[in-house]
Structures are given as structure tokens and as C-alpha cells.
Protein backbone atom coordinates (compact mmCIF):
# COMPACT_ATOMS: atom_id res chain seq x y z
CA MET A 1 22.92 -3.39 -7.49
CA THR A 2 26.05 -4.37 -5.10
CA VAL A 3 25.66 -5.29 -1.46
CA ARG A 4 27.63 -3.00 0.70
CA PRO A 5 27.79 -4.20 4.13
CA GLU A 6 29.25 -1.55 5.81
CA ASN A 7 27.81 1.66 3.94
CA PHE A 8 24.62 0.12 1.76
CA LYS A 9 22.42 3.80 1.70
CA VAL A 10 18.65 3.39 2.02
CA ALA A 11 16.27 6.35 1.29
CA VAL A 12 12.74 6.20 2.77
CA VAL A 13 10.04 8.64 0.82
CA GLY A 14 6.80 8.35 2.66
CA CYS A 15 6.75 7.86 6.03
CA GLY A 16 3.88 6.93 7.14
CA ALA A 17 2.94 3.89 8.95
CA VAL A 18 4.24 1.42 6.64
CA GLY A 19 7.73 3.22 4.96
CA SER A 20 8.17 3.58 8.73
CA TYR A 21 8.08 0.31 10.00
CA TYR A 22 10.06 -1.22 6.45
CA GLY A 23 12.39 1.85 7.18
CA ALA A 24 12.59 1.24 11.14
CA LYS A 25 13.61 -2.83 10.17
CA LEU A 26 16.28 -1.93 7.93
CA ALA A 27 17.56 0.60 10.39
CA ARG A 28 18.39 -2.34 12.84
CA THR A 29 21.08 -4.19 10.41
CA SER A 30 23.87 -2.59 8.94
CA ALA A 31 22.48 -0.16 6.48
CA VAL A 32 22.44 3.10 6.98
CA VAL A 33 19.14 4.43 6.80
CA HIS A 34 17.86 7.74 5.88
CA PHE A 35 13.84 9.14 6.33
CA LEU A 36 12.85 12.12 3.85
CA LEU A 37 10.37 13.78 6.63
CA ARG A 38 8.11 16.60 6.46
CA SER A 39 5.70 17.41 8.94
CA ASP A 40 7.43 14.44 11.38
CA TYR A 41 11.09 15.55 10.98
CA GLU A 42 11.24 17.52 14.29
CA VAL A 43 9.50 15.02 16.22
CA VAL A 44 11.54 12.17 14.55
CA ARG A 45 15.11 14.01 14.08
CA ARG A 46 14.63 14.31 18.02
CA ASP A 47 13.21 11.15 19.24
CA GLY A 48 13.71 8.69 16.83
CA VAL A 49 10.89 5.96 15.70
CA ARG A 50 8.98 3.78 18.10
CA ILE A 51 7.34 0.53 16.80
CA LEU A 52 4.90 -0.58 19.27
CA SER A 53 3.77 -4.56 18.40
CA ARG A 54 3.31 -7.79 20.22
CA ARG A 55 6.15 -8.97 18.55
CA GLY A 56 8.07 -6.66 20.67
CA ASP A 57 8.57 -2.86 20.35
CA PHE A 58 11.79 -1.17 19.41
CA GLU A 59 13.25 1.75 18.65
CA VAL A 60 15.72 3.62 15.90
CA ARG A 61 17.29 6.78 15.50
CA PRO A 62 17.04 6.90 11.40
CA ARG A 63 19.23 10.06 9.59
CA CYS A 64 16.50 12.70 9.01
CA ALA A 65 16.03 15.45 5.94
CA ILE A 66 13.91 17.45 4.60
CA LYS A 67 15.33 17.88 0.76
CA PRO A 68 16.23 14.91 -1.00
CA GLU A 69 19.05 16.51 -1.85
CA GLU A 70 20.76 16.01 1.68
CA ILE A 71 20.90 12.49 1.63
CA GLY A 72 21.94 12.71 -2.29
CA VAL A 73 22.07 8.62 -4.22
CA ALA A 74 21.07 5.88 -2.13
CA ASP A 75 21.44 2.21 -3.39
CA LEU A 76 18.23 1.50 -2.13
CA VAL A 77 15.25 3.96 -2.43
CA ILE A 78 11.47 2.64 -0.73
CA ILE A 79 8.88 4.61 -1.23
CA GLY A 80 5.99 4.31 1.04
CA LEU A 81 4.34 7.50 -0.02
CA LYS A 82 0.03 7.72 -0.43
CA THR A 83 -0.78 7.04 -4.21
CA THR A 84 -2.66 10.51 -3.72
CA ALA A 85 1.59 11.61 -3.65
CA ASN A 86 2.28 10.39 -6.97
CA PRO A 87 3.11 14.16 -9.27
CA GLU A 88 5.85 14.61 -6.49
CA PHE A 89 8.11 11.66 -7.69
CA ARG A 90 9.43 14.18 -10.17
CA ARG A 91 10.94 16.72 -7.85
CA LEU A 92 11.33 13.94 -4.61
CA LEU A 93 12.89 10.81 -6.58
CA PRO A 94 16.10 12.31 -9.22
CA PRO A 95 18.19 13.73 -6.12
CA LEU A 96 17.90 10.39 -4.44
CA VAL A 97 18.32 7.91 -7.41
CA GLY A 98 21.59 7.12 -9.81
CA PRO A 99 22.24 4.45 -12.44
CA HIS A 100 22.97 1.63 -9.41
CA THR A 101 20.28 2.67 -7.69
CA THR A 102 17.08 0.22 -7.14
CA ILE A 103 13.57 1.92 -6.19
CA LEU A 104 11.47 0.25 -4.27
CA THR A 105 7.48 0.83 -4.36
CA LEU A 106 5.33 -0.66 -1.87
CA GLN A 107 2.62 2.04 -2.40
CA ASN A 108 -0.81 0.26 -3.13
CA GLY A 109 -3.16 -0.37 -5.99
CA LEU A 110 -1.65 -0.18 -10.08
CA GLY A 111 -0.08 2.52 -11.77
CA ASN A 112 3.25 3.23 -9.63
CA GLU A 113 5.56 1.65 -11.30
CA GLU A 114 4.29 2.60 -14.35
CA GLN A 115 4.86 6.50 -13.17
CA LEU A 116 8.10 5.63 -12.01
CA GLU A 117 9.16 4.61 -15.50
CA ARG A 118 7.99 7.34 -17.05
CA LEU A 119 11.25 9.32 -15.20
CA PHE A 120 13.83 5.98 -14.68
CA PRO A 121 14.31 2.82 -16.53
CA ARG A 122 12.90 0.33 -15.79
CA GLU A 123 15.20 -2.46 -14.69
CA GLN A 124 15.69 0.13 -11.63
CA ILE A 125 11.87 -0.49 -10.43
CA LEU A 126 10.67 -2.89 -7.80
CA GLY A 127 7.43 -3.41 -6.12
CA GLY A 128 6.28 -4.64 -2.99
CA LEU A 129 2.90 -5.44 -1.89
CA CYS A 130 2.58 -5.33 1.94
CA PHE A 131 0.51 -7.95 3.62
CA VAL A 132 0.43 -5.80 6.80
CA CYS A 133 -1.82 -4.44 9.82
CA LEU A 134 -0.06 -1.19 10.32
CA ASN A 135 -1.27 2.57 12.13
CA ARG A 136 0.64 5.62 12.39
CA VAL A 137 -0.45 6.18 16.08
CA GLN A 138 1.62 9.74 16.65
CA PRO A 139 4.43 11.38 14.61
CA GLY A 140 7.56 8.85 14.83
CA VAL A 141 5.08 6.70 16.39
CA ILE A 142 3.89 2.92 14.51
CA HIS A 143 1.08 0.37 16.11
CA HIS A 144 2.56 -2.69 14.16
CA LEU A 145 -1.09 -4.98 15.37
CA ASP A 146 -0.28 -8.18 13.12
CA HIS A 147 1.43 -9.87 10.17
CA GLY A 148 4.30 -7.98 8.16
CA LEU A 149 5.30 -10.02 4.28
CA VAL A 150 5.88 -8.73 1.88
CA MET A 151 5.67 -9.62 -1.87
CA LEU A 152 8.51 -8.93 -4.33
CA GLY A 153 8.86 -8.37 -7.96
CA GLN A 154 10.56 -7.01 -10.76
CA TYR A 155 8.42 -4.94 -12.83
CA GLY A 156 8.29 -5.84 -16.51
CA GLY A 157 9.54 -8.93 -16.06
CA PRO A 158 11.14 -12.11 -14.06
CA PRO A 159 12.76 -11.21 -11.02
CA GLY A 160 16.77 -10.25 -11.43
CA PRO A 161 19.39 -9.81 -9.19
CA ARG A 162 18.09 -7.21 -7.51
CA VAL A 163 15.18 -8.47 -6.11
CA LYS A 164 17.37 -11.23 -5.01
CA GLU A 165 19.32 -8.09 -3.54
CA VAL A 166 16.43 -6.33 -1.65
CA ALA A 167 15.32 -9.99 -0.16
CA ASP A 168 19.30 -10.48 0.70
CA TRP A 169 18.68 -6.98 2.99
CA PHE A 170 14.97 -8.20 4.07
CA SER A 171 16.55 -11.15 6.05
CA ARG A 172 18.58 -8.69 7.29
CA ALA A 173 16.40 -7.10 9.36
CA GLU A 174 14.00 -9.95 9.49
CA ILE A 175 11.27 -9.00 7.03
CA PRO A 176 8.90 -12.09 5.82
CA PHE A 177 8.71 -11.81 2.11
CA GLN A 178 8.02 -14.16 -1.00
CA ILE A 179 9.31 -13.35 -4.38
CA SER A 180 6.79 -13.13 -7.17
CA GLU A 181 7.63 -14.57 -10.33
CA ASN A 182 5.04 -12.15 -12.06
CA LEU A 183 4.89 -8.88 -10.00
CA ALA A 184 1.25 -7.69 -12.24
CA ARG A 185 -0.38 -10.84 -10.88
CA ALA A 186 0.41 -10.70 -7.54
CA HIS A 187 -0.93 -6.97 -7.90
CA TRP A 188 -4.38 -8.17 -9.14
CA GLU A 189 -3.90 -11.19 -6.33
CA LYS A 190 -3.77 -8.40 -3.82
CA LEU A 191 -6.55 -6.64 -5.09
CA THR A 192 -9.03 -9.45 -4.05
CA TRP A 193 -8.31 -7.73 -0.45
CA ASN A 194 -7.73 -3.44 -0.98
CA ILE A 195 -10.94 -3.38 -2.94
CA PRO A 196 -13.40 -4.86 -0.82
CA PHE A 197 -12.54 -3.80 2.80
CA ASN A 198 -10.72 -0.70 2.08
CA GLY A 199 -13.36 0.24 0.14
CA LEU A 200 -16.54 -1.47 1.63
CA GLY A 201 -15.02 0.34 5.28
CA VAL A 202 -15.69 3.76 3.49
CA ALA A 203 -18.66 3.36 1.90
CA ALA A 204 -20.38 2.15 4.66
CA VAL A 205 -21.14 5.64 5.82
CA ALA A 206 -23.59 5.43 2.45
CA GLY A 207 -25.29 1.81 3.52
CA CYS A 208 -25.53 -1.25 1.77
CA GLU A 209 -27.78 -0.02 -0.75
CA ALA A 210 -25.72 2.47 -2.02
CA VAL A 211 -23.18 -0.18 -3.19
CA GLU A 212 -25.63 -2.38 -4.52
CA THR A 213 -27.32 0.19 -6.85
CA GLY A 214 -24.81 3.25 -6.88
CA GLN A 215 -26.67 5.55 -5.67
CA VAL A 216 -25.96 8.18 -3.10
CA PRO A 217 -28.92 10.28 -1.98
CA ALA A 218 -28.50 13.74 -1.45
CA ASP A 219 -29.90 13.96 2.16
CA PHE A 220 -28.43 10.66 3.31
CA GLN A 221 -28.24 9.96 6.83
CA ARG A 222 -24.06 9.78 7.92
CA GLY A 223 -23.81 5.86 9.34
CA PRO A 224 -20.20 4.72 10.47
CA CYS A 225 -17.59 3.50 8.46
CA LEU A 226 -16.57 -0.31 9.40
CA THR A 227 -13.51 -2.09 10.43
CA THR A 228 -12.52 -5.57 8.44
CA ASP A 229 -14.54 -7.77 11.21
CA GLN A 230 -17.60 -5.20 11.06
CA LEU A 231 -17.96 -6.07 7.53
CA LEU A 232 -17.60 -9.88 7.57
CA ALA A 233 -20.05 -9.92 10.71
CA ASP A 234 -22.79 -8.54 9.03
CA GLY A 235 -24.13 -10.69 6.35
CA ARG A 236 -25.38 -8.53 3.42
CA TRP A 237 -21.38 -6.76 3.77
CA LEU A 238 -19.84 -9.96 3.39
CA ALA A 239 -22.05 -10.92 0.79
CA LEU A 240 -20.27 -7.64 -0.88
CA ILE A 241 -16.75 -8.41 -0.54
CA ARG A 242 -17.40 -11.82 -1.92
CA GLY A 243 -18.67 -9.89 -5.15
CA LEU A 244 -16.06 -7.49 -5.75
CA MET A 245 -13.47 -10.24 -4.88
CA LYS A 246 -15.08 -12.20 -7.83
CA GLU A 247 -15.30 -9.51 -9.60
CA VAL A 248 -11.47 -8.44 -9.33
CA LEU A 249 -10.78 -12.29 -10.41
CA ALA A 250 -12.67 -12.36 -13.46
CA VAL A 251 -10.82 -9.02 -14.63
CA ALA A 252 -7.05 -10.61 -13.55
CA ARG A 253 -7.94 -13.40 -15.45
CA ALA A 254 -9.10 -12.59 -18.70
CA LEU A 255 -5.66 -9.90 -18.27
CA GLY A 256 -3.89 -13.48 -18.22
CA HIS A 257 -3.13 -13.72 -14.36
CA HIS A 258 -4.97 -17.02 -13.61
CA LEU A 259 -6.21 -16.58 -10.14
CA ASP A 260 -8.26 -19.54 -8.50
CA ASP A 261 -11.49 -19.21 -6.83
CA SER A 262 -9.16 -20.26 -3.13
CA VAL A 263 -7.95 -16.66 -3.05
CA MET A 264 -10.80 -15.27 -1.83
CA GLU A 265 -11.44 -17.51 0.68
CA ARG A 266 -7.64 -17.15 1.62
CA GLN A 267 -8.47 -13.43 2.17
CA ILE A 268 -11.29 -13.26 4.56
CA GLN A 269 -9.33 -15.91 6.70
CA ARG A 270 -6.19 -13.47 7.02
CA THR A 271 -9.03 -11.05 7.21
CA GLY A 272 -11.03 -12.51 11.00
CA SER A 273 -7.14 -12.94 12.37
CA MET A 274 -6.79 -8.68 12.06
CA GLY A 275 -9.85 -8.11 14.31
CA PRO A 276 -11.29 -4.86 14.67
CA TYR A 277 -9.04 -2.97 12.31
CA LYS A 278 -9.16 0.22 9.92
CA ALA A 279 -8.17 -0.29 6.68
CA SER A 280 -5.55 2.53 5.45
CA THR A 281 -8.91 4.48 3.26
CA LEU A 282 -10.86 4.30 6.13
CA LEU A 283 -8.09 6.23 8.06
CA ASP A 284 -7.86 9.22 5.83
CA PHE A 285 -11.41 9.45 4.99
CA GLU A 286 -11.97 9.66 9.02
CA GLN A 287 -8.91 12.50 8.71
CA GLY A 288 -9.91 14.17 6.42
CA ARG A 289 -7.26 13.15 3.92
CA PRO A 290 -7.98 12.30 0.51
CA LEU A 291 -8.87 8.77 -0.49
CA GLU A 292 -6.28 6.77 -2.82
CA LEU A 293 -8.80 6.31 -5.39
CA ASP A 294 -7.42 6.05 -8.57
CA SER A 295 -4.76 3.45 -7.39
CA LEU A 296 -6.89 1.53 -5.71
CA PHE A 297 -10.41 1.83 -7.14
CA ASN A 298 -10.72 3.78 -10.58
CA GLU A 299 -7.93 1.90 -12.43
CA PRO A 300 -8.89 -1.22 -11.61
CA PHE A 301 -12.75 -0.46 -12.56
CA ARG A 302 -11.23 1.50 -16.23
CA GLN A 303 -8.84 -1.94 -16.52
CA ALA A 304 -11.84 -4.38 -16.11
CA ARG A 305 -13.92 -2.19 -19.11
CA ALA A 306 -10.97 -2.14 -21.41
CA ALA A 307 -10.91 -5.83 -21.02
CA ARG A 308 -14.33 -5.70 -21.27
CA VAL A 309 -15.66 -7.49 -18.08
CA PRO A 310 -18.85 -6.54 -16.55
CA ALA A 311 -17.98 -5.39 -12.93
CA PRO A 312 -20.77 -3.27 -11.15
CA LEU A 313 -20.14 -3.62 -8.05
CA LEU A 314 -17.17 -2.11 -8.44
CA GLN A 315 -18.19 0.65 -10.64
CA ASN A 316 -20.72 1.05 -8.06
CA LEU A 317 -17.79 0.94 -5.08
CA CYS A 318 -16.48 3.87 -7.35
CA GLN A 319 -18.94 5.79 -7.75
CA VAL A 320 -19.27 5.56 -4.30
CA LEU A 321 -16.44 6.50 -2.94
CA ASN A 322 -15.80 9.28 -5.99
CA ARG A 323 -19.13 10.59 -4.32
CA LEU A 324 -17.91 10.91 -0.73
CA ASP A 325 -13.93 11.99 -1.33
CA CYS A 326 -15.36 15.47 -2.95
CA ARG A 327 -17.50 15.44 0.72
CA PRO A 328 -14.56 17.01 2.96
CA GLY A 329 -17.52 17.45 5.27
CA LEU A 330 -18.78 14.06 5.60
């Protein structure tokens, strides 16, 4: 990928909170940024994208398209889709990708880069792990609460020129980033946050005992979803957070990723600064959308089982979430 400051073309696929925020930041540079939109198309085309942030509000007007063919081949494709939409890769991405294109997935969990590799050469694929608190509050309006770091890495190997060139554009856009020498390891480190806080915030509707036992009674009385501060404030939930983190770390180590226990305290401390934050899985559940269960929970548990690492809490959490995901009336 050759950086061309005056006509560098970016296509954002999946313009929810994450895609819209980072796409909007890039749109403040000299890059030509296109948003591939569905339900928000008319609003964003008419009014642009507004970012509401304590670090400074701003508005941008990206180019808007409904079909990927309207955009054509880009220099950089940023994927902000929910992982439940990954079957759409085959339809949405080929019109945007040429031999020089870099594909950066900012999606949660495991398996996204592997799915992209079924369509494109692995050297074109990067992963980005977003440590950011964001909510889409209405079409074209994103509330940025805190943080914003992206951990960039090359899929399947050490960082190369494509990672550096994307990092250069992130620098221009004032997007904080770090470059990971090992993308797979970085994924597991982020799972130490995603699994407990995304999962328990939703599982709370079935209660602590459901996660402790893996059983959801047919006649259970639904409780409230819990924000991150509520999970941290309750000793029983905090014990489950720590227990899940320990299991994730054990699996990561069995797979050759050396993460020490200090990761747990860093994640808990960082979360404590977020205030009453609703993780993305909780928002999906409240709004009746499918949950990102495969990438965030089921696949990590499959890898735990394959590595023969006991993960009873993770198994229980998967059982509870899969049960709740099948009950749209909850």
C-alpha cells in the first residue's frame, strides 16, 4: 500500500459506533473517506456524522454509498461490522478490495481475520483492537465517552509495511494506537475484558447463580442488565469477573501467549474509570439484536476445550448467553 496524501481512499464498512467514530476521525485528514451505509444512509448523507466527546465535539461529511460498487477499490477498508454480519463479507468486500488494498478489521473477538483469509491474501489483512467507550445514540450521532486506543497488528505474522502505513494515517487523524508484535496474543489480552464485562452485563438478567451453575431456570424472574460500574461494585459479580479473567489467561498461556496476572488488575482499574458504561453486548441485548456469541464467547471456549484447559465459568457463561440469545422476548 502506497500512501498518497491527497487521494488516499478509505471505505468504512459497518458504520455503527466504532466504524463511524474512527472513520470520522480519518475524515478530518486529507483522506477521502466513504461510508457504506444502510438504514442511516439518508441521515448521514444529509447531515453528516456528529461525534459528541468530552475531548471536543466535531462533525464530518463523509461520502456516502449504499452499494460497495458505488465506492470501488479503496486503499484501506475498515470493517466495523458486528461479527454476526460476517457472512456478508463475500457480498460487501470484493468490490472494495484490489491487490494493493489493506483490510483492517476492528471487530470483537476471535475468528474474524480467519474468515477474511478465505477471501483475500493474509498479507492484506490487519487486525485492530479498540479500547474505547462509544455509543451510537441516534443515526449519524456517536457519543464518545472515554479512551480510544487501537492496537494494530498484522494477521499471521509480525507487523510489516502495511501496519506502519495505517499507523501513519492514524497519527494524522490523532487516533491513539500501539503496534502489536503478536496480534493473536493481543486478541487474548482483550478477551480478558470482553468476556467478563460484555458477558456478565447480559447474564446478570438471569442472576449470579446462573453463571455459577450454568443453569437458567425456565421460570426465572428477569433481573436488570448491569453496567460495568455495577458489576465492579458487587463482590459476587467481581469474583466472577476475576474468575473468568483467570480462565482466559490460562487458555492464552496454553496457546503460547505469555500474559501475566497483572493484566487482570490493569483491566479492572481501567474499567473503574469508565463510570456506568454499557458494553456493546448489553446494548445489543437491550435492543433485541443478535449477540456476538461466536466470536466473543463460543470460539474462545472451543479453543479452551481444544487446548484441554478447564474453563468451567466460561462454559457456564456460554450456556447462559446462548440460552438468553434464543429468547427475544426477554
